[in-house]
PDB file of N, CA and C in Angstrom:
ATOM      1  N   MET A   1       0.834  -1.174   0.000  1.00  0.00           N
ATOM      2  CA  MET A   1       0.000   0.000   0.000  1.00  0.00           C
ATOM      3  C   MET A   1       0.881   1.240   0.000  1.00  0.00           C
ATOM      4  N   TYR A   2       0.495   2.230  -0.774  1.00  0.00           N
ATOM      5  CA  TYR A   2       1.234   3.476  -0.869  1.00  0.00           C
ATOM      6  C   TYR A   2       1.085   4.280   0.412  1.00  0.00           C
ATOM      7  N   GLN A   3       2.197   4.779   0.923  1.00  0.00           N
ATOM      8  CA  GLN A   3       2.163   5.656   2.080  1.00  0.00           C
ATOM      9  C   GLN A   3       2.794   6.976   1.695  1.00  0.00           C
ATOM     10  N   LYS A   4       2.082   8.039   1.987  1.00  0.00           N
ATOM     11  CA  LYS A   4       2.570   9.367   1.642  1.00  0.00           C
ATOM     12  C   LYS A   4       3.798   9.730   2.469  1.00  0.00           C
ATOM     13  N   HIS A   5       3.805   9.320   3.729  1.00  0.00           N
ATOM     14  CA  HIS A   5       4.918   9.628   4.621  1.00  0.00           C
ATOM     15  C   HIS A   5       5.407   8.352   5.291  1.00  0.00           C
ATOM     16  N   THR A   6       6.685   8.352   5.637  1.00  0.00           N
ATOM     17  CA  THR A   6       7.291   7.167   6.233  1.00  0.00           C
ATOM     18  C   THR A   6       7.059   7.129   7.741  1.00  0.00           C
ATOM     19  N   LYS A   7       7.310   5.959   8.316  1.00  0.00           N
ATOM     20  CA  LYS A   7       7.197   5.812   9.768  1.00  0.00           C
ATOM     21  C   LYS A   7       8.216   6.698  10.480  1.00  0.00           C
ATOM     22  N   GLU A   8       9.374   6.880   9.851  1.00  0.00           N
ATOM     23  CA  GLU A   8      10.407   7.713  10.454  1.00  0.00           C
ATOM     24  C   GLU A   8       9.949   9.167  10.548  1.00  0.00           C
ATOM     25  N   GLU A   9       9.257   9.653   9.517  1.00  0.00           N
ATOM     26  CA  GLU A   9       8.738  11.024   9.557  1.00  0.00           C
ATOM     27  C   GLU A   9       7.720  11.183  10.680  1.00  0.00           C
ATOM     28  N   TRP A  10       6.851  10.184  10.828  1.00  0.00           N
ATOM     29  CA  TRP A  10       5.855  10.252  11.894  1.00  0.00           C
ATOM     30  C   TRP A  10       6.510  10.098  13.261  1.00  0.00           C
ATOM     31  N   ALA A  11       7.581   9.309  13.360  1.00  0.00           N
ATOM     32  CA  ALA A  11       8.302   9.168  14.628  1.00  0.00           C
ATOM     33  C   ALA A  11       8.927  10.499  15.028  1.00  0.00           C
ATOM     34  N   LYS A  12       9.479  11.212  14.046  1.00  0.00           N
ATOM     35  CA  LYS A  12      10.057  12.530  14.317  1.00  0.00           C
ATOM     36  C   LYS A  12       8.965  13.494  14.780  1.00  0.00           C
ATOM     37  N   ALA A  13       7.809  13.445  14.130  1.00  0.00           N
ATOM     38  CA  ALA A  13       6.688  14.311  14.519  1.00  0.00           C
ATOM     39  C   ALA A  13       6.251  14.003  15.950  1.00  0.00           C
ATOM     40  N   TYR A  14       6.220  12.729  16.295  1.00  0.00           N
ATOM     41  CA  TYR A  14       5.834  12.322  17.648  1.00  0.00           C
ATOM     42  C   TYR A  14       6.830  12.852  18.676  1.00  0.00           C
ATOM     43  N   GLU A  15       8.115  12.737  18.378  1.00  0.00           N
ATOM     44  CA  GLU A  15       9.141  13.241  19.298  1.00  0.00           C
ATOM     45  C   GLU A  15       9.020  14.752  19.473  1.00  0.00           C
ATOM     46  N   LEU A  16       8.774  15.463  18.372  1.00  0.00           N
ATOM     47  CA  LEU A  16       8.600  16.914  18.466  1.00  0.00           C
ATOM     48  C   LEU A  16       7.373  17.257  19.309  1.00  0.00           C
ATOM     49  N   HIS A  17       6.313  16.492  19.150  1.00  0.00           N
ATOM     50  CA  HIS A  17       5.100  16.720  19.950  1.00  0.00           C
ATOM     51  C   HIS A  17       5.388  16.487  21.432  1.00  0.00           C
ATOM     52  N   LYS A  18       6.129  15.422  21.737  1.00  0.00           N
ATOM     53  CA  LYS A  18       6.486  15.145  23.132  1.00  0.00           C
ATOM     54  C   LYS A  18       7.365  16.247  23.708  1.00  0.00           C
ATOM     55  N   ASP A  19       8.185  16.878  22.849  1.00  0.00           N
ATOM     56  CA  ASP A  19       9.075  17.943  23.303  1.00  0.00           C
ATOM     57  C   ASP A  19       8.364  19.285  23.453  1.00  0.00           C
ATOM     58  N   GLY A  20       7.066  19.319  23.131  1.00  0.00           N
ATOM     59  CA  GLY A  20       6.291  20.530  23.362  1.00  0.00           C
ATOM     60  C   GLY A  20       6.087  21.427  22.157  1.00  0.00           C
ATOM     61  N   TYR A  21       6.483  20.983  20.979  1.00  0.00           N
ATOM     62  CA  TYR A  21       6.265  21.790  19.777  1.00  0.00           C
ATOM     63  C   TYR A  21       4.781  21.802  19.422  1.00  0.00           C
ATOM     64  N   ASP A  22       4.315  22.920  18.866  1.00  0.00           N
ATOM     65  CA  ASP A  22       2.917  22.991  18.439  1.00  0.00           C
ATOM     66  C   ASP A  22       2.781  22.441  17.020  1.00  0.00           C
ATOM     67  N   SER A  23       1.549  22.230  16.592  1.00  0.00           N
ATOM     68  CA  SER A  23       1.278  21.593  15.295  1.00  0.00           C
ATOM     69  C   SER A  23       1.889  22.332  14.106  1.00  0.00           C
ATOM     70  N   PRO A  24       1.736  23.673  14.001  1.00  0.00           N
ATOM     71  CA  PRO A  24       2.348  24.360  12.855  1.00  0.00           C
ATOM     72  C   PRO A  24       3.872  24.205  12.805  1.00  0.00           C
ATOM     73  N   SER A  25       4.514  24.221  13.971  1.00  0.00           N
ATOM     74  CA  SER A  25       5.971  24.052  14.004  1.00  0.00           C
ATOM     75  C   SER A  25       6.370  22.652  13.544  1.00  0.00           C
ATOM     76  N   ILE A  26       5.626  21.654  13.996  1.00  0.00           N
ATOM     77  CA  ILE A  26       5.907  20.277  13.581  1.00  0.00           C
ATOM     78  C   ILE A  26       5.737  20.149  12.074  1.00  0.00           C
ATOM     79  N   SER A  27       4.712  20.774  11.538  1.00  0.00           N
ATOM     80  CA  SER A  27       4.462  20.731  10.094  1.00  0.00           C
ATOM     81  C   SER A  27       5.627  21.338   9.320  1.00  0.00           C
ATOM     82  N   ARG A  28       6.105  22.488   9.772  1.00  0.00           N
ATOM     83  CA  ARG A  28       7.230  23.144   9.086  1.00  0.00           C
ATOM     84  C   ARG A  28       8.502  22.307   9.173  1.00  0.00           C
ATOM     85  N   LEU A  29       8.750  21.713  10.332  1.00  0.00           N
ATOM     86  CA  LEU A  29       9.991  20.967  10.533  1.00  0.00           C
ATOM     87  C   LEU A  29      10.012  19.609   9.834  1.00  0.00           C
ATOM     88  N   THR A  30       8.851  18.996   9.674  1.00  0.00           N
ATOM     89  CA  THR A  30       8.811  17.646   9.111  1.00  0.00           C
ATOM     90  C   THR A  30       8.291  17.580   7.685  1.00  0.00           C
ATOM     91  N   GLY A  31       7.555  18.607   7.252  1.00  0.00           N
ATOM     92  CA  GLY A  31       6.957  18.572   5.920  1.00  0.00           C
ATOM     93  C   GLY A  31       5.641  17.817   5.873  1.00  0.00           C
ATOM     94  N   LEU A  32       5.129  17.426   7.036  1.00  0.00           N
ATOM     95  CA  LEU A  32       3.843  16.733   7.103  1.00  0.00           C
ATOM     96  C   LEU A  32       2.709  17.753   7.059  1.00  0.00           C
ATOM     97  N   GLU A  33       1.567  17.329   6.547  1.00  0.00           N
ATOM     98  CA  GLU A  33       0.403  18.213   6.460  1.00  0.00           C
ATOM     99  C   GLU A  33      -0.087  18.585   7.861  1.00  0.00           C
ATOM    100  N   LEU A  34      -0.433  19.862   8.027  1.00  0.00           N
ATOM    101  CA  LEU A  34      -0.903  20.352   9.318  1.00  0.00           C
ATOM    102  C   LEU A  34      -2.160  19.613   9.773  1.00  0.00           C
ATOM    103  N   SER A  35      -3.099  19.385   8.859  1.00  0.00           N
ATOM    104  CA  SER A  35      -4.341  18.700   9.234  1.00  0.00           C
ATOM    105  C   SER A  35      -4.070  17.261   9.682  1.00  0.00           C
ATOM    106  N   GLU A  36      -3.119  16.591   9.036  1.00  0.00           N
ATOM    107  CA  GLU A  36      -2.767  15.223   9.433  1.00  0.00           C
ATOM    108  C   GLU A  36      -2.122  15.207  10.816  1.00  0.00           C
ATOM    109  N   ILE A  37      -1.265  16.175  11.070  1.00  0.00           N
ATOM    110  CA  ILE A  37      -0.616  16.253  12.380  1.00  0.00           C
ATOM    111  C   ILE A  37      -1.660  16.477  13.468  1.00  0.00           C
ATOM    112  N   LYS A  38      -2.587  17.398  13.216  1.00  0.00           N
ATOM    113  CA  LYS A  38      -3.639  17.667  14.204  1.00  0.00           C
ATOM    114  C   LYS A  38      -4.482  16.424  14.459  1.00  0.00           C
ATOM    115  N   ARG A  39      -4.785  15.677  13.394  1.00  0.00           N
ATOM    116  CA  ARG A  39      -5.573  14.455  13.543  1.00  0.00           C
ATOM    117  C   ARG A  39      -4.818  13.426  14.381  1.00  0.00           C
ATOM    118  N   HIS A  40      -3.530  13.260  14.116  1.00  0.00           N
ATOM    119  CA  HIS A  40      -2.725  12.301  14.870  1.00  0.00           C
ATOM    120  C   HIS A  40      -2.625  12.704  16.338  1.00  0.00           C
ATOM    121  N   ILE A  41      -2.432  13.989  16.591  1.00  0.00           N
ATOM    122  CA  ILE A  41      -2.326  14.460  17.975  1.00  0.00           C
ATOM    123  C   ILE A  41      -3.647  14.249  18.709  1.00  0.00           C
ATOM    124  N   ARG A  42      -4.768  14.554  18.032  1.00  0.00           N
ATOM    125  CA  ARG A  42      -6.079  14.359  18.657  1.00  0.00           C
ATOM    126  C   ARG A  42      -6.291  12.883  19.004  1.00  0.00           C
ATOM    127  N   LEU A  43      -5.983  11.995  18.069  1.00  0.00           N
ATOM    128  CA  LEU A  43      -6.132  10.564  18.329  1.00  0.00           C
ATOM    129  C   LEU A  43      -5.187  10.095  19.434  1.00  0.00           C
ATOM    130  N   TYR A  44      -3.984  10.658  19.459  1.00  0.00           N
ATOM    131  CA  TYR A  44      -3.024  10.288  20.500  1.00  0.00           C
ATOM    132  C   TYR A  44      -3.548  10.686  21.880  1.00  0.00           C
ATOM    133  N   ARG A  45      -4.116  11.870  21.971  1.00  0.00           N
ATOM    134  CA  ARG A  45      -4.658  12.327  23.257  1.00  0.00           C
ATOM    135  C   ARG A  45      -5.836  11.471  23.706  1.00  0.00           C
ATOM    136  N   GLN A  46      -6.621  10.983  22.760  1.00  0.00           N
ATOM    137  CA  GLN A  46      -7.802  10.188  23.106  1.00  0.00           C
ATOM    138  C   GLN A  46      -7.461   8.744  23.427  1.00  0.00           C
ATOM    139  N   THR A  47      -6.491   8.185  22.716  1.00  0.00           N
ATOM    140  CA  THR A  47      -6.216   6.757  22.862  1.00  0.00           C
ATOM    141  C   THR A  47      -4.907   6.445  23.571  1.00  0.00           C
ATOM    142  N   GLY A  48      -3.974   7.375  23.563  1.00  0.00           N
ATOM    143  CA  GLY A  48      -2.688   7.127  24.191  1.00  0.00           C
ATOM    144  C   GLY A  48      -1.695   6.403  23.308  1.00  0.00           C
ATOM    145  N   CYS A  49      -2.065   6.134  22.048  1.00  0.00           N
ATOM    146  CA  CYS A  49      -1.108   5.495  21.144  1.00  0.00           C
ATOM    147  C   CYS A  49      -0.988   6.317  19.861  1.00  0.00           C
ATOM    148  N   TRP A  50       0.221   6.380  19.359  1.00  0.00           N
ATOM    149  CA  TRP A  50       0.524   7.155  18.165  1.00  0.00           C
ATOM    150  C   TRP A  50       0.378   6.238  16.965  1.00  0.00           C
ATOM    151  N   GLN A  51      -0.643   6.458  16.155  1.00  0.00           N
ATOM    152  CA  GLN A  51      -0.926   5.577  15.023  1.00  0.00           C
ATOM    153  C   GLN A  51      -0.285   6.130  13.755  1.00  0.00           C
ATOM    154  N   THR A  52       0.462   5.264  13.060  1.00  0.00           N
ATOM    155  CA  THR A  52       1.109   5.697  11.826  1.00  0.00           C
ATOM    156  C   THR A  52       0.558   4.988  10.604  1.00  0.00           C
ATOM    157  N   GLU A  53      -0.191   3.928  10.804  1.00  0.00           N
ATOM    158  CA  GLU A  53      -0.712   3.180   9.663  1.00  0.00           C
ATOM    159  C   GLU A  53      -2.230   3.113   9.728  1.00  0.00           C
ATOM    160  N   ARG A  54      -2.843   3.019   8.561  1.00  0.00           N
ATOM    161  CA  ARG A  54      -4.285   2.857   8.481  1.00  0.00           C
ATOM    162  C   ARG A  54      -4.592   1.453   7.990  1.00  0.00           C
ATOM    163  N   LYS A  55      -5.687   0.926   8.465  1.00  0.00           N
ATOM    164  CA  LYS A  55      -6.152  -0.364   7.969  1.00  0.00           C
ATOM    165  C   LYS A  55      -7.126  -0.089   6.833  1.00  0.00           C
ATOM    166  N   THR A  56      -6.954  -0.801   5.741  1.00  0.00           N
ATOM    167  CA  THR A  56      -7.848  -0.595   4.611  1.00  0.00           C
ATOM    168  C   THR A  56      -8.506  -1.906   4.218  1.00  0.00           C
ATOM    169  N   ASN A  57      -9.710  -1.804   3.720  1.00  0.00           N
ATOM    170  CA  ASN A  57     -10.463  -2.951   3.214  1.00  0.00           C
ATOM    171  C   ASN A  57     -10.569  -4.103   4.212  1.00  0.00           C
ATOM    172  N   VAL A  58     -10.845  -3.767   5.452  1.00  0.00           N
ATOM    173  CA  VAL A  58     -11.026  -4.778   6.483  1.00  0.00           C
ATOM    174  C   VAL A  58     -12.514  -5.086   6.588  1.00  0.00           C
ATOM    175  N   ARG A  59     -12.875  -6.349   6.457  1.00  0.00           N
ATOM    176  CA  ARG A  59     -14.274  -6.765   6.554  1.00  0.00           C
ATOM    177  C   ARG A  59     -14.711  -6.722   8.011  1.00  0.00           C
ATOM    178  N   SER A  60     -15.864  -6.160   8.236  1.00  0.00           N
ATOM    179  CA  SER A  60     -16.384  -6.092   9.598  1.00  0.00           C
ATOM    180  C   SER A  60     -17.359  -7.240   9.836  1.00  0.00           C
ATOM    181  N   THR A  61     -17.323  -7.752  11.030  1.00  0.00           N
ATOM    182  CA  THR A  61     -18.247  -8.817  11.408  1.00  0.00           C
ATOM    183  C   THR A  61     -19.491  -8.189  12.032  1.00  0.00           C
ATOM    184  N   PRO A  62     -20.591  -8.912  12.035  1.00  0.00           N
ATOM    185  CA  PRO A  62     -21.784  -8.391  12.716  1.00  0.00           C
ATOM    186  C   PRO A  62     -21.522  -8.079  14.193  1.00  0.00           C
ATOM    187  N   ALA A  63     -20.687  -8.877  14.831  1.00  0.00           N
ATOM    188  CA  ALA A  63     -20.371  -8.636  16.247  1.00  0.00           C
ATOM    189  C   ALA A  63     -19.640  -7.306  16.425  1.00  0.00           C
ATOM    190  N   LEU A  64     -18.708  -7.007  15.509  1.00  0.00           N
ATOM    191  CA  LEU A  64     -17.994  -5.736  15.584  1.00  0.00           C
ATOM    192  C   LEU A  64     -18.955  -4.572  15.379  1.00  0.00           C
ATOM    193  N   ARG A  65     -19.828  -4.679  14.380  1.00  0.00           N
ATOM    194  CA  ARG A  65     -20.785  -3.600  14.122  1.00  0.00           C
ATOM    195  C   ARG A  65     -21.677  -3.361  15.339  1.00  0.00           C
ATOM    196  N   ARG A  66     -22.136  -4.432  15.951  1.00  0.00           N
ATOM    197  CA  ARG A  66     -23.000  -4.297  17.135  1.00  0.00           C
ATOM    198  C   ARG A  66     -22.227  -3.657  18.297  1.00  0.00           C
ATOM    199  N   THR A  67     -20.999  -4.080  18.510  1.00  0.00           N
ATOM    200  CA  THR A  67     -20.172  -3.534  19.582  1.00  0.00           C
ATOM    201  C   THR A  67     -19.921  -2.045  19.376  1.00  0.00           C
ATOM    202  N   VAL A  68     -19.624  -1.667  18.139  1.00  0.00           N
ATOM    203  CA  VAL A  68     -19.358  -0.266  17.824  1.00  0.00           C
ATOM    204  C   VAL A  68     -20.607   0.584  18.057  1.00  0.00           C
ATOM    205  N   ILE A  69     -21.747   0.119  17.591  1.00  0.00           N
ATOM    206  CA  ILE A  69     -22.997   0.861  17.779  1.00  0.00           C
ATOM    207  C   ILE A  69     -23.330   0.980  19.264  1.00  0.00           C
ATOM    208  N   ASP A  70     -23.138  -0.090  20.021  1.00  0.00           N
ATOM    209  CA  ASP A  70     -23.382  -0.032  21.463  1.00  0.00           C
ATOM    210  C   ASP A  70     -22.462   0.979  22.145  1.00  0.00           C
ATOM    211  N   ALA A  71     -21.221   1.068  21.675  1.00  0.00           N
ATOM    212  CA  ALA A  71     -20.284   2.031  22.257  1.00  0.00           C
ATOM    213  C   ALA A  71     -20.764   3.462  22.046  1.00  0.00           C
ATOM    214  N   VAL A  72     -21.341   3.731  20.885  1.00  0.00           N
ATOM    215  CA  VAL A  72     -21.823   5.085  20.597  1.00  0.00           C
ATOM    216  C   VAL A  72     -23.150   5.349  21.299  1.00  0.00           C
ATOM    217  N   VAL A  73     -24.086   4.419  21.183  1.00  0.00           N
ATOM    218  CA  VAL A  73     -25.448   4.649  21.673  1.00  0.00           C
ATOM    219  C   VAL A  73     -25.553   4.472  23.192  1.00  0.00           C
ATOM    220  N   LYS A  74     -25.033   3.374  23.710  1.00  0.00           N
ATOM    221  CA  LYS A  74     -25.220   3.069  25.132  1.00  0.00           C
ATOM    222  C   LYS A  74     -24.140   3.665  26.027  1.00  0.00           C
ATOM    223  N   LYS A  75     -22.893   3.665  25.547  1.00  0.00           N
ATOM    224  CA  LYS A  75     -21.795   4.183  26.367  1.00  0.00           C
ATOM    225  C   LYS A  75     -21.523   5.660  26.106  1.00  0.00           C
ATOM    226  N   SER A  76     -22.168   6.223  25.104  1.00  0.00           N
ATOM    227  CA  SER A  76     -22.035   7.646  24.759  1.00  0.00           C
ATOM    228  C   SER A  76     -20.599   8.059  24.450  1.00  0.00           C
ATOM    229  N   LEU A  77     -19.854   7.180  23.783  1.00  0.00           N
ATOM    230  CA  LEU A  77     -18.510   7.550  23.356  1.00  0.00           C
ATOM    231  C   LEU A  77     -18.607   8.447  22.126  1.00  0.00           C
ATOM    232  N   SER A  78     -17.641   9.323  21.960  1.00  0.00           N
ATOM    233  CA  SER A  78     -17.637  10.202  20.794  1.00  0.00           C
ATOM    234  C   SER A  78     -17.229   9.414  19.553  1.00  0.00           C
ATOM    235  N   TYR A  79     -17.534   9.988  18.388  1.00  0.00           N
ATOM    236  CA  TYR A  79     -17.141   9.344  17.135  1.00  0.00           C
ATOM    237  C   TYR A  79     -15.634   9.123  17.109  1.00  0.00           C
ATOM    238  N   ALA A  80     -14.864  10.143  17.497  1.00  0.00           N
ATOM    239  CA  ALA A  80     -13.403  10.046  17.443  1.00  0.00           C
ATOM    240  C   ALA A  80     -12.888   8.934  18.349  1.00  0.00           C
ATOM    241  N   GLU A  81     -13.467   8.798  19.532  1.00  0.00           N
ATOM    242  CA  GLU A  81     -13.041   7.743  20.452  1.00  0.00           C
ATOM    243  C   GLU A  81     -13.330   6.363  19.877  1.00  0.00           C
ATOM    244  N   VAL A  82     -14.503   6.203  19.288  1.00  0.00           N
ATOM    245  CA  VAL A  82     -14.890   4.908  18.719  1.00  0.00           C
ATOM    246  C   VAL A  82     -14.024   4.567  17.515  1.00  0.00           C
ATOM    247  N   ILE A  83     -13.791   5.546  16.651  1.00  0.00           N
ATOM    248  CA  ILE A  83     -12.959   5.333  15.464  1.00  0.00           C
ATOM    249  C   ILE A  83     -11.563   4.880  15.869  1.00  0.00           C
ATOM    250  N   ALA A  84     -10.989   5.547  16.859  1.00  0.00           N
ATOM    251  CA  ALA A  84      -9.644   5.193  17.309  1.00  0.00           C
ATOM    252  C   ALA A  84      -9.627   3.851  18.032  1.00  0.00           C
ATOM    253  N   LYS A  85     -10.615   3.606  18.870  1.00  0.00           N
ATOM    254  CA  LYS A  85     -10.642   2.380  19.673  1.00  0.00           C
ATOM    255  C   LYS A  85     -10.812   1.129  18.827  1.00  0.00           C
ATOM    256  N   TYR A  86     -11.676   1.205  17.812  1.00  0.00           N
ATOM    257  CA  TYR A  86     -11.988   0.022  17.013  1.00  0.00           C
ATOM    258  C   TYR A  86     -11.316   0.015  15.638  1.00  0.00           C
ATOM    259  N   SER A  87     -10.505   1.011  15.349  1.00  0.00           N
ATOM    260  CA  SER A  87      -9.770   1.105  14.072  1.00  0.00           C
ATOM    261  C   SER A  87     -10.696   0.994  12.868  1.00  0.00           C
ATOM    262  N   ILE A  88     -11.748   1.808  12.876  1.00  0.00           N
ATOM    263  CA  ILE A  88     -12.664   1.855  11.741  1.00  0.00           C
ATOM    264  C   ILE A  88     -12.664   3.266  11.179  1.00  0.00           C
ATOM    265  N   SER A  89     -13.209   3.419   9.998  1.00  0.00           N
ATOM    266  CA  SER A  89     -13.252   4.738   9.375  1.00  0.00           C
ATOM    267  C   SER A  89     -14.497   5.496   9.811  1.00  0.00           C
ATOM    268  N   PHE A  90     -14.434   6.808   9.666  1.00  0.00           N
ATOM    269  CA  PHE A  90     -15.592   7.648   9.971  1.00  0.00           C
ATOM    270  C   PHE A  90     -16.755   7.280   9.061  1.00  0.00           C
ATOM    271  N   THR A  91     -16.444   6.973   7.804  1.00  0.00           N
ATOM    272  CA  THR A  91     -17.481   6.615   6.835  1.00  0.00           C
ATOM    273  C   THR A  91     -18.211   5.346   7.264  1.00  0.00           C
ATOM    274  N   SER A  92     -17.470   4.344   7.701  1.00  0.00           N
ATOM    275  CA  SER A  92     -18.099   3.101   8.166  1.00  0.00           C
ATOM    276  C   SER A  92     -18.982   3.360   9.375  1.00  0.00           C
ATOM    277  N   LEU A  93     -18.468   4.122  10.328  1.00  0.00           N
ATOM    278  CA  LEU A  93     -19.237   4.410  11.533  1.00  0.00           C
ATOM    279  C   LEU A  93     -20.529   5.148  11.209  1.00  0.00           C
ATOM    280  N   SER A  94     -20.444   6.174  10.376  1.00  0.00           N
ATOM    281  CA  SER A  94     -21.656   6.933  10.051  1.00  0.00           C
ATOM    282  C   SER A  94     -22.653   6.079   9.269  1.00  0.00           C
ATOM    283  N   SER A  95     -22.168   5.203   8.404  1.00  0.00           N
ATOM    284  CA  SER A  95     -23.049   4.305   7.659  1.00  0.00           C
ATOM    285  C   SER A  95     -23.754   3.329   8.598  1.00  0.00           C
ATOM    286  N   TRP A  96     -23.018   2.747   9.530  1.00  0.00           N
ATOM    287  CA  TRP A  96     -23.613   1.809  10.483  1.00  0.00           C
ATOM    288  C   TRP A  96     -24.639   2.498  11.368  1.00  0.00           C
ATOM    289  N   LEU A  97     -24.327   3.719  11.813  1.00  0.00           N
ATOM    290  CA  LEU A  97     -25.280   4.452  12.651  1.00  0.00           C
ATOM    291  C   LEU A  97     -26.547   4.794  11.880  1.00  0.00           C
ATOM    292  N   ARG A  98     -26.395   5.168  10.626  1.00  0.00           N
ATOM    293  CA  ARG A  98     -27.564   5.483   9.791  1.00  0.00           C
ATOM    294  C   ARG A  98     -28.458   4.249   9.649  1.00  0.00           C
ATOM    295  N   LYS A  99     -27.852   3.100   9.386  1.00  0.00           N
ATOM    296  CA  LYS A  99     -28.627   1.860   9.262  1.00  0.00           C
ATOM    297  C   LYS A  99     -29.296   1.501  10.583  1.00  0.00           C
ATOM    298  N   TYR A 100     -28.578   1.662  11.679  1.00  0.00           N
ATOM    299  CA  TYR A 100     -29.138   1.343  12.996  1.00  0.00           C
ATOM    300  C   TYR A 100     -30.325   2.250  13.315  1.00  0.00           C
ATOM    301  N   ARG A 101     -30.174   3.539  13.056  1.00  0.00           N
ATOM    302  CA  ARG A 101     -31.252   4.488  13.365  1.00  0.00           C
ATOM    303  C   ARG A 101     -32.462   4.288  12.465  1.00  0.00           C
ATOM    304  N   HIS A 102     -32.233   3.790  11.269  1.00  0.00           N
ATOM    305  CA  HIS A 102     -33.340   3.569  10.334  1.00  0.00           C
ATOM    306  C   HIS A 102     -34.091   2.277  10.640  1.00  0.00           C
ATOM    307  N   GLY A 103     -33.352   1.192  10.876  1.00  0.00           N
ATOM    308  CA  GLY A 103     -34.019  -0.101  11.031  1.00  0.00           C
ATOM    309  C   GLY A 103     -33.590  -0.924  12.219  1.00  0.00           C
ATOM    310  N   GLY A 104     -32.834  -0.340  13.133  1.00  0.00           N
ATOM    311  CA  GLY A 104     -32.395  -1.076  14.314  1.00  0.00           C
ATOM    312  C   GLY A 104     -31.295  -2.079  13.998  1.00  0.00           C
ATOM    313  N   TYR A 105     -31.102  -3.003  14.926  1.00  0.00           N
ATOM    314  CA  TYR A 105     -30.042  -3.999  14.759  1.00  0.00           C
ATOM    315  C   TYR A 105     -30.290  -4.912  13.560  1.00  0.00           C
ATOM    316  N   GLU A 106     -31.551  -5.145  13.225  1.00  0.00           N
ATOM    317  CA  GLU A 106     -31.856  -6.037  12.102  1.00  0.00           C
ATOM    318  C   GLU A 106     -31.255  -5.508  10.805  1.00  0.00           C
ATOM    319  N   GLU A 107     -31.463  -4.224  10.531  1.00  0.00           N
ATOM    320  CA  GLU A 107     -30.923  -3.653   9.295  1.00  0.00           C
ATOM    321  C   GLU A 107     -29.405  -3.546   9.357  1.00  0.00           C
ATOM    322  N   LEU A 108     -28.879  -3.203  10.513  1.00  0.00           N
ATOM    323  CA  LEU A 108     -27.433  -3.079  10.675  1.00  0.00           C
ATOM    324  C   LEU A 108     -26.736  -4.409  10.429  1.00  0.00           C
ATOM    325  N   LEU A 109     -27.262  -5.470  10.994  1.00  0.00           N
ATOM    326  CA  LEU A 109     -26.606  -6.774  10.908  1.00  0.00           C
ATOM    327  C   LEU A 109     -26.909  -7.511   9.613  1.00  0.00           C
ATOM    328  N   ALA A 110     -27.881  -7.022   8.844  1.00  0.00           N
ATOM    329  CA  ALA A 110     -28.220  -7.659   7.570  1.00  0.00           C
ATOM    330  C   ALA A 110     -27.199  -7.339   6.488  1.00  0.00           C
ATOM    331  N   SER A 111     -26.464  -6.248   6.653  1.00  0.00           N
ATOM    332  CA  SER A 111     -25.527  -5.834   5.594  1.00  0.00           C
ATOM    333  C   SER A 111     -24.236  -6.601   5.625  1.00  0.00           C
TER     334      SER A 111
END
């Protein structure tokens, strides 16, 4: 899979963040996109782990979909927390929530 930036670049960004640099400074020093840096920092603050890779084309099981929906609906976790915790995309989460709100668990688990 093509990666725009290397793990070493993200490791340098992480070290700069730990040293107290702000997002614009990290962007200038590393050449990474400011929006990507902000996203990584936000996820790091929420989950405690610095993620450098994305999972793509991962099939979700009905159990995972149900667990994710329960985390949002019953536990009142934010979208960002759920996305980081379960390593799913925002698009998948919003699609599952739309199906759940329209037809409940039956429609969600039928897909």
